[in-house]
Amino acid sequence: MITYLTLFKARDKNNAESLESVFSELRKNTTSETGCISYEIYSDSANPPVSYIIETWESQISFEGHLDAVKTNKYVEQALTFTAEPFESIQLIEKFNFKK
């Protein structure tokens, strides 16, 4: 299981709203993709133009399949028209597992 966190900074409030539309469509399609465990979108309460996507996938292969779909459907191109800078994506490593 792998988890990624992606940070998006919209140019302004209007662009943040447009970015939300792209995210809405992306989430609708992503949650039905093979290997998608969760796909959540958050906005920063202290800085509304900032959004985060936290996504968890069964494997690196399923995540890479998702990336192919994102490129094919041009979600990255759409998102970048509303962002102030390129988005950042990092893989998160679970340090503690409190589930028993």
Protein backbone atom coordinates (compact mmCIF):
# COMPACT_ATOMS: atom_id res chain seq x y z
CA MET A 1 0.00 0.00 0.00
CA ILE A 2 1.35 3.44 -0.93
CA THR A 3 0.15 6.95 -0.11
CA TYR A 4 0.90 10.21 -1.88
CA LEU A 5 0.29 13.79 -0.80
CA THR A 6 0.05 16.43 -3.52
CA LEU A 7 0.00 20.17 -2.85
CA PHE A 8 -1.67 22.63 -5.23
CA LYS A 9 -1.52 26.42 -4.88
CA ALA A 10 -4.17 28.21 -6.91
CA ARG A 11 -3.42 31.69 -8.22
CA ASP A 12 -6.34 33.22 -6.33
CA LYS A 13 -9.80 32.46 -4.96
CA ASN A 14 -11.45 32.34 -8.41
CA ASN A 15 -8.79 29.96 -9.70
CA ALA A 16 -9.20 27.87 -6.54
CA GLU A 17 -12.87 27.42 -7.39
CA SER A 18 -11.99 26.39 -10.94
CA LEU A 19 -9.39 23.97 -9.60
CA GLU A 20 -12.07 22.44 -7.37
CA SER A 21 -14.10 21.63 -10.49
CA VAL A 22 -11.11 19.79 -11.97
CA PHE A 23 -10.62 17.94 -8.66
CA SER A 24 -14.29 16.97 -8.52
CA GLU A 25 -14.16 15.35 -11.95
CA LEU A 26 -10.82 13.73 -11.17
CA ARG A 27 -12.08 12.25 -7.90
CA LYS A 28 -15.23 10.91 -9.52
CA ASN A 29 -13.17 8.98 -12.06
CA THR A 30 -10.27 8.01 -9.80
CA THR A 31 -12.25 6.25 -7.09
CA SER A 32 -13.39 3.62 -9.59
CA GLU A 33 -9.86 2.89 -10.83
CA THR A 34 -8.31 -0.48 -10.07
CA GLY A 35 -6.21 -0.31 -6.91
CA CYS A 36 -7.58 2.96 -5.52
CA ILE A 37 -8.09 2.57 -1.77
CA SER A 38 -8.85 6.21 -1.02
CA TYR A 39 -8.70 9.57 -2.78
CA GLU A 40 -9.41 12.61 -0.62
CA ILE A 41 -9.22 16.30 -1.45
CA TYR A 42 -8.72 18.97 1.21
CA SER A 43 -8.40 22.74 1.27
CA ASP A 44 -6.26 24.64 3.74
CA SER A 45 -8.57 26.44 6.20
CA ALA A 46 -5.93 29.14 6.84
CA ASN A 47 -5.10 29.57 3.15
CA PRO A 48 -8.08 28.65 0.91
CA PRO A 49 -6.19 28.76 -2.43
CA VAL A 50 -4.09 25.84 -1.17
CA SER A 51 -5.44 22.32 -1.74
CA TYR A 52 -4.14 18.86 -0.96
CA ILE A 53 -4.88 15.49 -2.45
CA ILE A 54 -4.14 12.48 -0.28
CA GLU A 55 -4.40 9.24 -2.20
CA THR A 56 -3.75 5.66 -1.20
CA TRP A 57 -3.17 2.84 -3.69
CA GLU A 58 -2.78 -0.91 -3.39
CA SER A 59 0.57 -0.84 -5.18
CA GLN A 60 3.00 1.28 -7.15
CA ILE A 61 1.71 -0.40 -10.31
CA SER A 62 -1.87 0.70 -9.61
CA PHE A 63 -0.65 4.23 -8.84
CA GLU A 64 1.27 4.34 -12.12
CA GLY A 65 -1.89 3.22 -13.94
CA HIS A 66 -3.67 6.15 -12.33
CA LEU A 67 -0.93 8.53 -13.52
CA ASP A 68 -1.42 7.26 -17.06
CA ALA A 69 -5.17 7.95 -16.81
CA VAL A 70 -4.50 11.44 -15.41
CA LYS A 71 -2.22 12.23 -18.35
CA THR A 72 -4.61 10.74 -20.92
CA ASN A 73 -7.52 12.79 -19.57
CA LYS A 74 -5.36 15.94 -19.36
CA TYR A 75 -6.17 16.65 -15.70
CA VAL A 76 -2.62 17.92 -15.10
CA GLU A 77 -2.87 20.37 -17.99
CA GLN A 78 -6.24 21.59 -16.73
CA ALA A 79 -5.02 21.97 -13.13
CA LEU A 80 -1.88 23.86 -14.14
CA THR A 81 -3.95 26.59 -15.82
CA PHE A 82 -5.27 27.54 -12.36
CA THR A 83 -2.14 27.11 -10.22
CA ALA A 84 0.43 29.71 -9.23
CA GLU A 85 3.26 27.20 -9.52
CA PRO A 86 3.78 23.54 -10.43
CA PHE A 87 2.25 21.18 -7.90
CA GLU A 88 4.35 19.13 -5.50
CA SER A 89 3.81 15.45 -4.81
CA ILE A 90 5.50 13.33 -2.16
CA GLN A 91 5.17 9.71 -1.13
CA LEU A 92 4.28 9.29 2.53
CA ILE A 93 5.79 6.49 4.58
CA GLU A 94 3.76 5.20 7.50
CA LYS A 95 5.96 5.33 10.61
CA PHE A 96 3.51 3.92 13.11
CA ASN A 97 0.65 1.54 12.60
CA PHE A 98 -1.76 1.83 15.50
CA LYS A 99 -4.20 -0.69 14.05
CA LYS A 100 -4.27 -4.01 15.84
